[in-house]
Amino acid sequence: MPKPSEDLNSLLAQFDGVAMPRRGDLLHGIVIEVGPQGLVIDLALKRDGVVPLSDLQKLPPEESLLKSGDELAVMVVDPVDPDGNLVVSVSQARESEDWLKARRLMEEDAIIEIAPSGCNRGGIIVPFGRLRGFVPASHLSELPRGTDEEGRLSFLESTAGRTMPFKVIEVDPKRRRLVLSERKAIRQWRQQQKTKIIEELTVGEVRKGVVTSLREFGAFVDIGGADGLIHISELAWYHVDDPGEVLTIRQEIETMVISLDKRAARIGLSLKRLEDNPWEECAKEINPGQIMSGTVSCTSSAGTFIQVDAGVEGLLRLSNEGRIPGKGEKIQVRVMSLDLERERLDLEWIDQPEEEDEVVSEIPSENGRETEG
């Protein structure tokens, strides 16, 4: 990696021979005069540059001791002031090293840690060497959505002094604009962490984690800096319509790793496989044609599910004209088929008990002899 001074010289060389310098241009030259009002710099232009004393006073004491013959970088502050001078700044040029550092960090997609120093209504302010960077509120990952102006400002103020990760996303020295993003830093860090964790994981491994979000198709769980997905079918051995019935956000759980896709950086997890599989016992206890008792556990677009005594759920076959049993209702069912590989049990509802043989009632006569009823 080139040294900062080499990078600075390379950058400054781009401005050599500029005939009409503009505000924000970086130039370099030689001190030709040191006086009570400041410095005069030979910039190899039609006009010499003037460094006001006020600018030199912004430098640390050890950097302000300049003399004739010294080579230094300057930044154009005013191409033509009211007196016709080309006003340049040593202090702002020294900041150029921080601009160069910021640009390198942006090009390298590096993540840095900084403690914000303040805020305004639009976001937070972070110190960056001699510069001040800005983080728009939209680039803060923890900013509550839908909060009012007072709550928003309170959150922004709470970030002061707290070290946070950031990523440089815009560097514009001429406009003195340095923009950083905490949201992108978090996203990149999590992706890097996920890649690292995937390399360490093995299928069948059990990991502790925290539920980060619930979706209709499953639950995402943070297992140490990387999110894995528990598909809704892996939440329980019984049918689940809503992951919120099984888990809650921020709940601490143990999960089993069941799949790894290193190329797509995906981790598949399971909650139910940490429990005994009730389907393994089905082959011993359930046979086609068998009549069993069960309880309606749920009714969904897929059908009506019945929890049977064997500890598994079966799908109830219903005719279009038949009544649909309600949740919690206990019914008698007949086993139609059992597919252990697909973990599928098809059931038929026995709506009416089998008819018993009719018994002819006998009515005794008054004299004790039987008469036909």
Protein backbone atom coordinates (compact mmCIF):
# COMPACT_ATOMS: atom_id res chain seq x y z
CA MET A 1 0.00 0.00 0.00
CA PRO A 2 1.47 3.42 -0.95
CA LYS A 3 2.49 5.68 1.87
CA PRO A 4 0.14 8.60 2.64
CA SER A 5 2.79 11.12 1.60
CA GLU A 6 3.22 9.36 -1.74
CA ASP A 7 -0.52 9.38 -2.29
CA LEU A 8 -0.64 13.06 -1.43
CA ASN A 9 2.17 13.92 -3.84
CA SER A 10 0.39 11.94 -6.56
CA LEU A 11 -2.83 13.77 -5.90
CA LEU A 12 -1.13 17.15 -5.80
CA ALA A 13 0.67 16.41 -9.05
CA GLN A 14 -2.70 16.34 -10.78
CA PHE A 15 -3.02 20.06 -10.09
CA ASP A 16 0.40 21.10 -11.34
CA GLY A 17 0.30 23.79 -13.97
CA VAL A 18 -3.27 24.84 -13.19
CA ALA A 19 -3.66 28.23 -14.87
CA MET A 20 -6.87 29.25 -13.14
CA PRO A 21 -7.00 27.63 -9.70
CA ARG A 22 -10.43 27.12 -8.20
CA ARG A 23 -11.65 26.98 -4.64
CA GLY A 24 -10.80 23.59 -3.17
CA ASP A 25 -7.91 22.82 -5.55
CA LEU A 26 -4.87 21.22 -3.93
CA LEU A 27 -1.54 22.78 -4.97
CA HIS A 28 2.01 22.58 -3.76
CA GLY A 29 4.76 25.16 -3.69
CA ILE A 30 7.74 26.68 -1.87
CA VAL A 31 7.70 29.26 0.93
CA ILE A 32 9.39 32.42 -0.39
CA GLU A 33 8.48 34.84 2.38
CA VAL A 34 7.61 34.62 6.08
CA GLY A 35 6.13 37.77 7.58
CA PRO A 36 3.89 39.03 10.40
CA GLN A 37 0.83 38.71 8.13
CA GLY A 38 1.55 35.13 7.11
CA LEU A 39 3.35 33.38 4.26
CA VAL A 40 3.90 33.95 0.57
CA ILE A 41 4.07 30.73 -1.48
CA ASP A 42 5.57 30.27 -4.95
CA LEU A 43 3.03 28.03 -6.71
CA ALA A 44 4.64 28.16 -10.18
CA LEU A 45 1.62 30.16 -11.35
CA LYS A 46 1.19 33.72 -12.59
CA ARG A 47 0.47 34.72 -9.01
CA ASP A 48 1.96 33.71 -5.71
CA GLY A 49 -0.26 32.29 -3.00
CA VAL A 50 -0.88 34.04 0.31
CA VAL A 51 -1.35 32.13 3.57
CA PRO A 52 -2.99 34.37 6.22
CA LEU A 53 -1.59 34.33 9.74
CA SER A 54 -5.02 33.23 10.99
CA ASP A 55 -4.63 30.03 8.98
CA LEU A 56 -1.21 29.27 10.46
CA GLN A 57 -2.62 29.73 13.95
CA LYS A 58 -4.94 26.78 13.31
CA LEU A 59 -1.94 24.45 13.05
CA PRO A 60 -0.51 22.62 16.07
CA PRO A 61 2.58 24.44 17.43
CA GLU A 62 4.97 21.84 16.07
CA GLU A 63 3.55 22.26 12.53
CA SER A 64 3.44 26.07 12.42
CA LEU A 65 7.23 26.65 12.42
CA LEU A 66 7.69 27.22 8.70
CA LYS A 67 10.58 29.00 6.96
CA SER A 68 11.67 30.11 3.53
CA GLY A 69 12.49 27.21 1.23
CA ASP A 70 10.04 24.79 2.87
CA GLU A 71 7.93 22.79 0.43
CA LEU A 72 4.34 22.32 1.44
CA ALA A 73 0.84 21.60 0.18
CA VAL A 74 -1.87 24.25 0.20
CA MET A 75 -5.56 24.38 -0.66
CA VAL A 76 -7.13 27.25 -2.57
CA VAL A 77 -9.54 29.19 -0.34
CA ASP A 78 -10.21 32.23 -2.53
CA PRO A 79 -8.88 32.47 -6.11
CA VAL A 80 -9.15 36.27 -6.00
CA ASP A 81 -9.82 38.16 -2.77
CA PRO A 82 -10.82 41.89 -2.72
CA ASP A 83 -7.12 42.81 -2.83
CA GLY A 84 -6.49 40.56 -5.83
CA ASN A 85 -4.59 37.91 -3.81
CA LEU A 86 -4.71 34.15 -4.33
CA VAL A 87 -5.54 33.04 -0.79
CA VAL A 88 -4.49 29.53 0.13
CA SER A 89 -4.59 27.45 3.32
CA VAL A 90 -1.96 25.22 4.86
CA SER A 91 -4.31 23.90 7.55
CA GLN A 92 -6.90 22.78 5.02
CA ALA A 93 -4.22 21.18 2.88
CA ARG A 94 -3.03 19.20 5.90
CA GLU A 95 -6.57 17.96 6.13
CA SER A 96 -6.11 16.56 2.64
CA GLU A 97 -4.26 13.61 4.16
CA ASP A 98 -7.46 12.78 6.01
CA TRP A 99 -9.37 13.13 2.73
CA LEU A 100 -6.94 10.71 1.13
CA LYS A 101 -7.32 8.30 4.03
CA ALA A 102 -11.11 8.54 3.76
CA ARG A 103 -10.94 7.85 0.04
CA ARG A 104 -8.74 4.78 0.57
CA LEU A 105 -11.12 3.46 3.21
CA MET A 106 -14.02 3.92 0.81
CA GLU A 107 -12.21 2.15 -2.02
CA GLU A 108 -11.21 -0.72 0.28
CA ASP A 109 -14.77 -1.12 1.68
CA ALA A 110 -13.20 -0.90 5.12
CA ILE A 111 -15.18 -0.70 8.35
CA ILE A 112 -13.96 1.77 10.99
CA GLU A 113 -15.10 2.44 14.55
CA ILE A 114 -15.72 6.02 15.71
CA ALA A 115 -17.60 7.64 18.61
CA PRO A 116 -19.98 10.36 17.33
CA SER A 117 -19.36 13.84 18.75
CA GLY A 118 -22.77 15.39 18.18
CA CYS A 119 -25.85 15.56 15.99
CA ASN A 120 -28.31 17.76 14.18
CA ARG A 121 -31.82 17.08 12.94
CA GLY A 122 -30.54 15.33 9.83
CA GLY A 123 -28.16 12.87 11.45
CA ILE A 124 -25.01 12.53 13.55
CA ILE A 125 -21.55 14.09 13.33
CA VAL A 126 -18.40 11.98 13.67
CA PRO A 127 -14.79 13.20 13.99
CA PHE A 128 -12.42 11.91 11.32
CA GLY A 129 -8.88 13.16 11.95
CA ARG A 130 -9.05 16.91 11.30
CA LEU A 131 -12.36 16.50 9.47
CA ARG A 132 -15.97 16.12 10.49
CA GLY A 133 -17.97 13.39 8.85
CA PHE A 134 -21.75 13.22 8.64
CA VAL A 135 -24.01 10.18 8.99
CA PRO A 136 -27.56 10.79 7.67
CA ALA A 137 -30.31 9.49 9.95
CA SER A 138 -31.41 7.14 7.15
CA HIS A 139 -28.03 5.39 7.46
CA LEU A 140 -28.50 4.50 11.15
CA SER A 141 -29.67 0.92 11.65
CA GLU A 142 -31.24 1.34 15.09
CA LEU A 143 -33.25 4.51 14.45
CA PRO A 144 -36.85 3.61 15.40
CA ARG A 145 -39.27 3.86 12.51
CA GLY A 146 -42.30 6.08 12.77
CA THR A 147 -40.96 8.01 15.76
CA ASP A 148 -41.89 11.68 16.18
CA GLU A 149 -39.42 14.57 15.89
CA GLU A 150 -38.72 14.65 19.61
CA GLY A 151 -38.05 10.92 19.81
CA ARG A 152 -35.89 11.05 16.69
CA LEU A 153 -33.71 13.83 18.12
CA SER A 154 -33.48 12.02 21.46
CA PHE A 155 -32.16 8.93 19.71
CA LEU A 156 -29.61 10.91 17.70
CA GLU A 157 -28.34 12.60 20.87
CA SER A 158 -27.97 9.21 22.59
CA THR A 159 -25.33 8.12 20.06
CA ALA A 160 -22.78 10.75 21.22
CA GLY A 161 -19.71 9.15 22.76
CA ARG A 162 -20.80 5.58 21.90
CA THR A 163 -18.34 3.79 19.63
CA MET A 164 -20.09 2.60 16.49
CA PRO A 165 -19.02 0.95 13.20
CA PHE A 166 -19.08 3.07 10.04
CA LYS A 167 -18.30 2.79 6.37
CA VAL A 168 -17.19 5.76 4.24
CA ILE A 169 -19.62 6.16 1.32
CA GLU A 170 -18.81 9.63 -0.09
CA VAL A 171 -15.62 11.72 -0.22
CA ASP A 172 -15.70 15.18 -1.85
CA PRO A 173 -12.90 17.48 -0.61
CA LYS A 174 -13.93 20.37 -2.87
CA ARG A 175 -17.39 20.48 -1.33
CA ARG A 176 -15.92 19.46 2.03
CA ARG A 177 -18.39 16.61 2.13
CA LEU A 178 -17.54 13.39 3.99
CA VAL A 179 -20.46 10.99 4.40
CA LEU A 180 -20.45 7.73 6.35
CA SER A 181 -23.00 4.97 6.90
CA GLU A 182 -23.54 2.83 9.97
CA ARG A 183 -26.26 0.76 8.29
CA LYS A 184 -23.95 -0.34 5.45
CA ALA A 185 -21.16 -1.10 7.92
CA ILE A 186 -23.48 -3.34 9.94
CA ARG A 187 -24.72 -5.08 6.81
CA GLN A 188 -21.19 -5.70 5.53
CA TRP A 189 -19.95 -6.82 8.94
CA ARG A 190 -22.80 -9.31 9.26
CA GLN A 191 -22.12 -10.66 5.78
CA GLN A 192 -18.42 -11.08 6.59
CA GLN A 193 -19.29 -12.68 9.90
CA LYS A 194 -21.77 -14.99 8.19
CA THR A 195 -19.15 -16.12 5.67
CA LYS A 196 -16.74 -16.81 8.53
CA ILE A 197 -19.32 -18.72 10.57
CA ILE A 198 -20.44 -20.82 7.60
CA GLU A 199 -16.84 -22.00 7.19
CA GLU A 200 -16.84 -23.10 10.82
CA LEU A 201 -20.27 -24.78 10.91
CA THR A 202 -21.05 -28.42 10.25
CA VAL A 203 -24.39 -30.03 9.47
CA GLY A 204 -25.84 -31.60 12.63
CA GLU A 205 -24.17 -29.10 14.94
CA VAL A 206 -26.28 -27.53 17.69
CA ARG A 207 -25.94 -23.76 18.20
CA LYS A 208 -27.46 -21.28 20.64
CA GLY A 209 -29.11 -18.26 19.08
CA VAL A 210 -31.58 -15.42 19.43
CA VAL A 211 -34.73 -15.02 17.33
CA THR A 212 -34.33 -11.79 15.33
CA SER A 213 -37.47 -11.78 13.17
CA LEU A 214 -40.57 -13.80 12.34
CA ARG A 215 -41.92 -14.17 8.81
CA GLU A 216 -44.84 -16.14 7.42
CA PHE A 217 -42.39 -18.70 6.03
CA GLY A 218 -40.30 -19.15 9.19
CA ALA A 219 -38.02 -17.51 11.73
CA PHE A 220 -34.56 -15.93 11.46
CA VAL A 221 -32.14 -16.71 14.28
CA ASP A 222 -28.82 -14.98 15.05
CA ILE A 223 -26.31 -17.70 15.91
CA GLY A 224 -23.38 -15.44 16.75
CA GLY A 225 -23.30 -12.72 14.13
CA ALA A 226 -24.97 -14.67 11.32
CA ASP A 227 -28.66 -15.23 10.68
CA GLY A 228 -29.98 -18.68 9.85
CA LEU A 229 -33.51 -19.57 8.81
CA ILE A 230 -35.77 -22.03 10.56
CA HIS A 231 -38.33 -22.83 7.88
CA ILE A 232 -41.89 -23.08 9.17
CA SER A 233 -41.82 -26.82 8.48
CA GLU A 234 -38.84 -27.19 10.83
CA LEU A 235 -40.40 -25.43 13.82
CA ALA A 236 -42.33 -28.41 15.19
CA TRP A 237 -43.38 -31.96 14.35
CA TYR A 238 -46.97 -30.77 14.17
CA HIS A 239 -48.44 -28.36 11.60
CA VAL A 240 -47.64 -24.67 12.24
CA ASP A 241 -49.56 -21.87 10.51
CA ASP A 242 -47.86 -18.93 12.23
CA PRO A 243 -44.22 -19.01 13.51
CA GLY A 244 -45.41 -16.65 16.27
CA GLU A 245 -47.27 -19.61 17.78
CA VAL A 246 -43.93 -21.26 18.54
CA LEU A 247 -41.35 -18.47 18.94
CA THR A 248 -41.10 -14.82 19.98
CA ILE A 249 -38.62 -12.14 18.88
CA ARG A 250 -35.49 -11.96 21.09
CA GLN A 251 -36.19 -15.43 22.47
CA GLU A 252 -33.04 -17.44 23.21
CA ILE A 253 -33.15 -20.94 21.74
CA GLU A 254 -31.01 -23.87 20.64
CA THR A 255 -31.17 -24.95 17.01
CA MET A 256 -29.65 -27.65 14.84
CA VAL A 257 -27.80 -26.86 11.62
CA ILE A 258 -29.44 -28.90 8.85
CA SER A 259 -28.09 -27.27 5.68
CA LEU A 260 -25.25 -25.00 4.53
CA ASP A 261 -24.99 -23.16 1.23
CA LYS A 262 -21.58 -21.48 1.23
CA ARG A 263 -22.00 -19.95 -2.21
CA ALA A 264 -25.29 -18.25 -1.34
CA ALA A 265 -24.26 -17.75 2.32
CA ARG A 266 -27.40 -19.46 3.61
CA ILE A 267 -27.79 -21.39 6.83
CA GLY A 268 -30.71 -23.77 7.36
CA LEU A 269 -31.73 -24.46 10.95
CA SER A 270 -34.23 -26.70 12.70
CA LEU A 271 -35.96 -26.54 16.05
CA LYS A 272 -37.97 -29.75 15.85
CA ARG A 273 -34.99 -32.02 15.18
CA LEU A 274 -33.74 -31.44 18.71
CA GLU A 275 -36.78 -33.42 19.87
CA ASP A 276 -37.60 -37.09 19.39
CA ASN A 277 -39.22 -37.78 16.05
CA PRO A 278 -42.72 -39.15 16.72
CA TRP A 279 -42.95 -40.46 13.16
CA GLU A 280 -40.32 -43.06 13.93
CA GLU A 281 -42.81 -44.79 16.23
CA CYS A 282 -45.70 -44.55 13.79
CA ALA A 283 -44.74 -47.69 11.91
CA LYS A 284 -45.21 -49.67 15.13
CA GLU A 285 -48.47 -48.09 16.22
CA ILE A 286 -50.40 -47.07 13.11
CA ASN A 287 -51.74 -49.27 10.29
CA PRO A 288 -54.07 -48.52 7.37
CA GLY A 289 -57.68 -49.16 8.32
CA GLN A 290 -57.04 -48.59 11.99
CA ILE A 291 -59.56 -46.50 13.90
CA MET A 292 -58.12 -43.88 16.25
CA SER A 293 -59.29 -40.96 18.33
CA GLY A 294 -57.93 -37.49 17.69
CA THR A 295 -58.32 -33.78 18.35
CA VAL A 296 -58.64 -31.08 15.70
CA SER A 297 -55.46 -29.00 16.05
CA CYS A 298 -56.01 -26.49 13.23
CA THR A 299 -57.80 -25.82 9.99
CA SER A 300 -55.98 -24.10 7.14
CA SER A 301 -55.98 -23.82 3.38
CA ALA A 302 -54.15 -27.14 3.30
CA GLY A 303 -56.96 -28.87 5.17
CA THR A 304 -57.95 -29.92 8.66
CA PHE A 305 -55.20 -31.38 10.83
CA ILE A 306 -55.90 -33.94 13.53
CA GLN A 307 -53.60 -34.69 16.47
CA VAL A 308 -53.89 -38.44 17.03
CA ASP A 309 -52.92 -40.51 20.03
CA ALA A 310 -49.63 -41.54 18.45
CA GLY A 311 -48.35 -37.97 18.84
CA VAL A 312 -48.41 -36.97 15.17
CA GLU A 313 -50.79 -34.97 13.02
CA GLY A 314 -52.80 -36.36 10.16
CA LEU A 315 -54.65 -34.61 7.35
CA LEU A 316 -58.38 -35.19 7.40
CA ARG A 317 -60.16 -35.95 4.14
CA LEU A 318 -63.51 -34.18 3.99
CA SER A 319 -66.26 -34.31 1.42
CA ASN A 320 -67.61 -31.08 0.01
CA GLU A 321 -70.95 -31.69 1.69
CA GLY A 322 -69.64 -32.82 5.03
CA ARG A 323 -69.41 -30.74 8.20
CA ILE A 324 -65.96 -29.40 9.13
CA PRO A 325 -65.05 -30.17 12.73
CA GLY A 326 -63.96 -27.23 14.86
CA LYS A 327 -60.62 -26.67 16.56
CA GLY A 328 -60.34 -28.66 19.77
CA GLU A 329 -63.14 -31.05 18.80
CA LYS A 330 -62.51 -34.72 19.56
CA ILE A 331 -63.43 -37.10 16.76
CA GLN A 332 -62.95 -40.69 15.62
CA VAL A 333 -60.90 -41.23 12.46
CA ARG A 334 -59.86 -44.10 10.26
CA VAL A 335 -56.29 -44.35 8.88
CA MET A 336 -56.39 -44.22 5.09
CA SER A 337 -52.64 -44.20 4.38
CA LEU A 338 -49.31 -43.62 6.11
CA ASP A 339 -46.19 -42.32 4.32
CA LEU A 340 -43.31 -42.24 6.81
CA GLU A 341 -40.81 -40.86 4.31
CA ARG A 342 -43.01 -37.82 3.61
CA GLU A 343 -44.27 -37.75 7.21
CA ARG A 344 -47.84 -37.79 5.96
CA LEU A 345 -50.87 -39.42 7.54
CA ASP A 346 -54.19 -39.34 5.67
CA LEU A 347 -57.33 -39.79 7.75
CA GLU A 348 -61.05 -40.26 7.22
CA TRP A 349 -63.59 -38.91 9.68
CA ILE A 350 -66.00 -41.48 11.03
CA ASP A 351 -68.93 -39.13 11.41
CA GLN A 352 -71.43 -41.76 12.67
CA PRO A 353 -70.72 -44.90 14.70
CA GLU A 354 -71.37 -48.19 12.98
CA GLU A 355 -75.04 -49.23 13.13
CA GLU A 356 -75.99 -51.88 15.65
CA ASP A 357 -78.40 -54.72 14.88
CA GLU A 358 -82.01 -53.76 15.43
CA VAL A 359 -83.63 -55.27 18.52
CA VAL A 360 -87.35 -56.03 18.24
CA SER A 361 -89.03 -54.64 21.27
CA GLU A 362 -91.47 -56.94 23.01
CA ILE A 363 -94.45 -55.55 24.83
CA PRO A 364 -95.94 -57.87 27.42
CA SER A 365 -99.70 -58.33 27.38
CA GLU A 366 -101.92 -57.89 30.30
CA ASN A 367 -102.16 -61.65 30.85
CA GLY A 368 -98.41 -62.06 30.52
CA ARG A 369 -98.51 -63.45 27.02
CA GLU A 370 -96.40 -61.74 24.36
CA THR A 371 -98.18 -59.80 21.69
CA GLU A 372 -96.78 -58.46 18.50
CA GLY A 373 -95.92 -54.86 18.68
